C-alpha atoms as a PDB file:
ATOM      1  CA  UNK A   1      12.486   7.912  -4.219  1.00  0.00           C
ATOM      2  CA  UNK A   2      10.021   6.487  -1.976  1.00  0.00           C
ATOM      3  CA  UNK A   3       6.190   5.786  -2.724  1.00  0.00           C
ATOM      4  CA  UNK A   4       4.096   5.643   0.399  1.00  0.00           C
ATOM      5  CA  UNK A   5       1.196   3.128  -0.437  1.00  0.00           C
ATOM      6  CA  UNK A   6      -2.248   3.634   1.638  1.00  0.00           C
ATOM      7  CA  UNK A   7      -2.454   0.884   4.296  1.00  0.00           C
ATOM      8  CA  UNK A   8      -5.713  -0.165   6.175  1.00  0.00           C
ATOM      9  CA  UNK A   9      -5.415  -0.677   9.751  1.00  0.00           C
ATOM     10  CA  UNK A  10      -6.709  -4.112  10.220  1.00  0.00           C
ATOM     11  CA  UNK A  11      -5.667  -4.532  14.155  1.00  0.00           C
ATOM     12  CA  UNK A  12      -4.142  -2.695  16.950  1.00  0.00           C
ATOM     13  CA  UNK A  13      -2.430  -3.820  19.913  1.00  0.00           C
ATOM     14  CA  UNK A  14      -2.471  -1.008  21.968  1.00  0.00           C
ATOM     15  CA  UNK A  15      -0.036  -2.064  24.594  1.00  0.00           C
ATOM     16  CA  UNK A  16       3.056  -2.326  22.553  1.00  0.00           C
ATOM     17  CA  UNK A  17       1.656   0.748  20.077  1.00  0.00           C
ATOM     18  CA  UNK A  18       1.707  -1.419  17.058  1.00  0.00           C
ATOM     19  CA  UNK A  19      -0.553  -1.908  14.248  1.00  0.00           C
ATOM     20  CA  UNK A  20      -1.434  -4.511  11.780  1.00  0.00           C
ATOM     21  CA  UNK A  21      -2.144  -3.411   8.218  1.00  0.00           C
ATOM     22  CA  UNK A  22      -2.927  -4.379   4.639  1.00  0.00           C
ATOM     23  CA  UNK A  23      -1.246  -2.905   1.967  1.00  0.00           C
ATOM     24  CA  UNK A  24      -2.406  -3.968  -1.504  1.00  0.00           C
ATOM     25  CA  UNK A  25      -3.055  -7.440  -0.214  1.00  0.00           C
ATOM     26  CA  UNK A  26      -0.236  -7.750   1.859  1.00  0.00           C
ATOM     27  CA  UNK A  27      -0.406  -7.657   5.576  1.00  0.00           C
ATOM     28  CA  UNK A  28       2.519  -6.167   7.651  1.00  0.00           C
ATOM     29  CA  UNK A  29       2.768  -4.129  11.093  1.00  0.00           C
ATOM     30  CA  UNK A  30       3.739  -0.663  11.755  1.00  0.00           C
ATOM     31  CA  UNK A  31       4.517   1.145  14.727  1.00  0.00           C
ATOM     32  CA  UNK A  32       2.361   4.172  15.780  1.00  0.00           C
ATOM     33  CA  UNK A  33       5.115   5.402  17.780  1.00  0.00           C
ATOM     34  CA  UNK A  34       5.364   8.569  15.416  1.00  0.00           C
ATOM     35  CA  UNK A  35       1.836   9.545  14.977  1.00  0.00           C
ATOM     36  CA  UNK A  36      -0.024  12.154  16.611  1.00  0.00           C
ATOM     37  CA  UNK A  37      -3.403  11.318  15.320  1.00  0.00           C
ATOM     38  CA  UNK A  38      -6.239   8.915  16.744  1.00  0.00           C
ATOM     39  CA  UNK A  39      -6.224   5.609  14.815  1.00  0.00           C
ATOM     40  CA  UNK A  40      -8.743   3.182  14.457  1.00  0.00           C
ATOM     41  CA  UNK A  41      -9.260   0.033  12.742  1.00  0.00           C
ATOM     42  CA  UNK A  42     -10.348   0.851   9.350  1.00  0.00           C
ATOM     43  CA  UNK A  43      -8.405   3.695   9.156  1.00  0.00           C
ATOM     44  CA  UNK A  44      -5.868   4.412   6.109  1.00  0.00           C
ATOM     45  CA  UNK A  45      -2.327   5.686   7.184  1.00  0.00           C
ATOM     46  CA  UNK A  46       1.049   5.986   5.215  1.00  0.00           C
ATOM     47  CA  UNK A  47       3.783   4.263   6.444  1.00  0.00           C
ATOM     48  CA  UNK A  48       7.672   4.826   6.170  1.00  0.00           C
ATOM     49  CA  UNK A  49      10.296   2.397   7.295  1.00  0.00           C
ATOM     50  CA  UNK A  50       8.015   0.919   9.573  1.00  0.00           C
ATOM     51  CA  UNK A  51       6.147   3.760  11.155  1.00  0.00           C
ATOM     52  CA  UNK A  52       2.741   5.017  10.542  1.00  0.00           C
ATOM     53  CA  UNK A  53       3.477   8.520   9.848  1.00  0.00           C
ATOM     54  CA  UNK A  54       0.054  10.070   8.899  1.00  0.00           C
ATOM     55  CA  UNK A  55      -3.548   9.165   9.020  1.00  0.00           C
ATOM     56  CA  UNK A  56      -5.235  10.045   5.537  1.00  0.00           C
ATOM     57  CA  UNK A  57      -8.639  10.797   4.619  1.00  0.00           C
ATOM     58  CA  UNK A  58     -10.244   7.153   2.878  1.00  0.00           C
ATOM     59  CA  UNK A  59     -11.541   8.950   0.052  1.00  0.00           C
ATOM     60  CA  UNK A  60      -7.916  10.000  -0.820  1.00  0.00           C
ATOM     61  CA  UNK A  61      -6.293   6.546   0.051  1.00  0.00           C
ATOM     62  CA  UNK A  62      -9.123   4.609  -2.391  1.00  0.00           C
ATOM     63  CA  UNK A  63      -8.135   7.090  -5.123  1.00  0.00           C
ATOM     64  CA  UNK A  64      -4.675   6.502  -4.836  1.00  0.00           C
ATOM     65  CA  UNK A  65      -5.207   2.397  -4.399  1.00  0.00           C
ATOM     66  CA  UNK A  66      -6.988   2.622  -7.604  1.00  0.00           C
ATOM     67  CA  UNK A  67      -4.172   4.750  -9.337  1.00  0.00           C
ATOM     68  CA  UNK A  68      -1.802   2.179  -8.007  1.00  0.00           C
ATOM     69  CA  UNK A  69      -3.983  -1.224  -9.533  1.00  0.00           C
ATOM     70  CA  UNK A  70      -3.878   0.951 -12.965  1.00  0.00           C
ATOM     71  CA  UNK A  71       0.000   1.446 -13.203  1.00  0.00           C
ATOM     72  CA  UNK A  72       0.325  -2.133 -12.105  1.00  0.00           C
ATOM     73  CA  UNK A  73      -1.908  -3.300 -14.697  1.00  0.00           C
ATOM     74  CA  UNK A  74      -0.440  -1.275 -16.974  1.00  0.00           C
ATOM     75  CA  UNK A  75       3.195  -2.769 -16.319  1.00  0.00           C
ATOM     76  CA  UNK A  76       2.057  -6.557 -16.579  1.00  0.00           C
ATOM     77  CA  UNK A  77       0.015  -5.675 -19.872  1.00  0.00           C
ATOM     78  CA  UNK A  78       3.272  -4.189 -21.310  1.00  0.00           C
ATOM     79  CA  UNK A  79       5.201  -7.525 -19.738  1.00  0.00           C
ATOM     80  CA  UNK A  80       2.836  -9.915 -21.486  1.00  0.00           C
ATOM     81  CA  UNK A  81       3.097  -7.567 -24.832  1.00  0.00           C
ATOM     82  CA  UNK A  82       7.088  -7.724 -24.705  1.00  0.00           C
ATOM     83  CA  UNK A  83       6.720 -11.809 -24.228  1.00  0.00           C
ATOM     84  CA  UNK A  84       4.595 -12.097 -27.309  1.00  0.00           C
ATOM     85  CA  UNK A  85       6.902  -9.736 -28.867  1.00  0.00           C
ATOM     86  CA  UNK A  86      10.234 -11.806 -28.213  1.00  0.00           C
ATOM     87  CA  UNK A  87       8.248 -15.113 -28.720  1.00  0.00           C
ATOM     88  CA  UNK A  88       7.311 -14.085 -32.393  1.00  0.00           C
ATOM     89  CA  UNK A  89      11.129 -12.967 -33.039  1.00  0.00           C
ATOM     90  CA  UNK A  90      12.102 -16.485 -32.079  1.00  0.00           C
ATOM     91  CA  UNK A  91      10.071 -18.212 -34.243  1.00  0.00           C
END
C-alpha cells in the first residue's frame, strides 16, 4: 500500500523539469515529467516514486496533512503509553 502525502512545491527548475517539495518538513526533489497540469511554487502535488503525479487543491491538501499529523500524534502517544507500561512492569 502506498500513501501519497500532499507536498508543497517550494522551487521549480523548469530547465530540467524538476521541482523541490516540502513534505511535512522534509524537502525532496520530484520530476514534473508526468504531470500534465500547470505547476507553480506554492501548489500542492501528490508524488509517487519521485514523480509528481497530479496537482491537488490546497484545501484538500491541508485537510489531508492535518489528518496525517493526528495519526502521527496518536502513534507517538500509544508508544509513550506502551513505554510507561513496560517501565512499570520492570519495577
